[in-house]
C-alpha atoms as a PDB file:
ATOM      1  CA  MET A   1     116.937  97.391 132.593  1.00  0.00           C
ATOM      2  CA  LEU A   2     116.806 100.547 130.595  1.00  0.00           C
ATOM      3  CA  LYS A   3     116.158 102.629 133.270  1.00  0.00           C
ATOM      4  CA  ASN A   4     118.894 100.816 135.372  1.00  0.00           C
ATOM      5  CA  ILE A   5     120.882 101.414 132.112  1.00  0.00           C
ATOM      6  CA  LEU A   6     119.855 106.071 131.558  1.00  0.00           C
ATOM      7  CA  ASN A   7     121.115 106.096 135.570  1.00  0.00           C
ATOM      8  CA  LEU A   8     124.271 105.627 134.918  1.00  0.00           C
ATOM      9  CA  GLU A   9     126.728 108.519 135.075  1.00  0.00           C
ATOM     10  CA  GLY A  10     126.588 109.896 131.290  1.00  0.00           C
ATOM     11  CA  THR A  11     123.974 108.113 129.971  1.00  0.00           C
ATOM     12  CA  LYS A  12     121.057 109.593 127.771  1.00  0.00           C
ATOM     13  CA  GLU A  13     117.338 108.635 126.246  1.00  0.00           C
ATOM     14  CA  LEU A  14     117.950 107.590 123.268  1.00  0.00           C
ATOM     15  CA  SER A  15     116.057 109.196 120.051  1.00  0.00           C
ATOM     16  CA  ALA A  16     113.047 107.283 118.348  1.00  0.00           C
ATOM     17  CA  ASN A  17     115.360 106.542 115.320  1.00  0.00           C
ATOM     18  CA  GLU A  18     118.275 104.950 117.422  1.00  0.00           C
ATOM     19  CA  GLN A  19     115.501 102.590 118.754  1.00  0.00           C
ATOM     20  CA  LYS A  20     114.412 101.598 115.352  1.00  0.00           C
ATOM     21  CA  MET A  21     118.109 101.026 113.938  1.00  0.00           C
ATOM     22  CA  ILE A  22     118.158  99.220 117.688  1.00  0.00           C
ATOM     23  CA  ASP A  23     115.217  97.067 116.612  1.00  0.00           C
ATOM     24  CA  GLY A  24     115.530  96.525 113.592  1.00  0.00           C
ATOM     25  CA  GLY A  25     114.780  98.952 110.981  1.00  0.00           C
ATOM     26  CA  ASN A  26     111.204  98.998 110.684  1.00  0.00           C
ATOM     27  CA  ALA A  27     110.164  97.823 114.396  1.00  0.00           C
ATOM     28  CA  PRO A  28     107.662 100.411 116.179  1.00  0.00           C
ATOM     29  CA  VAL A  29     108.755 102.729 118.970  1.00  0.00           C
ATOM     30  CA  CYS A  30     106.577 100.824 121.889  1.00  0.00           C
ATOM     31  CA  ASN A  31     105.681 102.348 124.855  1.00  0.00           C
ATOM     32  CA  GLU A  32     106.680 101.497 128.446  1.00  0.00           C
ATOM     33  CA  GLY A  33     106.175  98.072 129.614  1.00  0.00           C
ATOM     34  CA  SER A  34     105.919  96.810 125.764  1.00  0.00           C
ATOM     35  CA  PHE A  35     108.069  95.861 123.076  1.00  0.00           C
ATOM     36  CA  ALA A  36     108.254  95.426 119.143  1.00  0.00           C
ATOM     37  CA  LYS A  37     108.070  92.225 118.213  1.00  0.00           C
ATOM     38  CA  ARG A  38     108.310  90.331 115.127  1.00  0.00           C
ATOM     39  CA  CYS A  39     104.715  88.214 114.208  1.00  0.00           C
ATOM     40  CA  ASN A  40     102.855  85.936 111.978  1.00  0.00           C
ATOM     41  CA  GLU A  41      99.690  84.185 112.085  1.00  0.00           C
ATOM     42  CA  PHE A  42     101.504  80.824 111.646  1.00  0.00           C
ATOM     43  CA  GLY A  43     102.612  81.674 107.534  1.00  0.00           C
ATOM     44  CA  THR A  44      98.919  83.093 106.183  1.00  0.00           C
ATOM     45  CA  VAL A  45     100.273  86.601 106.311  1.00  0.00           C
ATOM     46  CA  PRO A  46     103.910  87.940 106.163  1.00  0.00           C
ATOM     47  CA  TYR A  47     105.672  88.718 109.254  1.00  0.00           C
ATOM     48  CA  TYR A  48     104.670  92.119 110.659  1.00  0.00           C
ATOM     49  CA  TRP A  49     105.948  94.115 114.115  1.00  0.00           C
ATOM     50  CA  ALA A  50     103.690  94.112 117.119  1.00  0.00           C
ATOM     51  CA  CYS A  51     103.896  96.188 120.102  1.00  0.00           C
ATOM     52  CA  VAL A  52     103.360  93.612 122.660  1.00  0.00           C
ATOM     53  CA  PRO A  53     102.848  93.519 126.518  1.00  0.00           C
ATOM     54  CA  ASN A  54     106.180  92.644 128.167  1.00  0.00           C
ATOM     55  CA  GLY A  55     106.908  88.860 129.296  1.00  0.00           C
ATOM     56  CA  THR A  56     104.202  88.095 126.020  1.00  0.00           C
ATOM     57  CA  LYS A  57     105.423  85.462 124.543  1.00  0.00           C
ATOM     58  CA  SER A  58     103.637  85.042 121.046  1.00  0.00           C
ATOM     59  CA  CYS A  59     101.758  87.620 119.375  1.00  0.00           C
END
């Protein structure tokens, strides 16, 4: 989807800071093929951000 958006006339790629603002402030900027997901380990640790492969439902 991002490639389709970037192909639109007049668009530009978002900077890492702009991506973090959209994703939630302290979310990591992940490599292509993965996305930032908030995770926790069954309530044993506080929530944390992780880059997981696209299509992954859990951390």
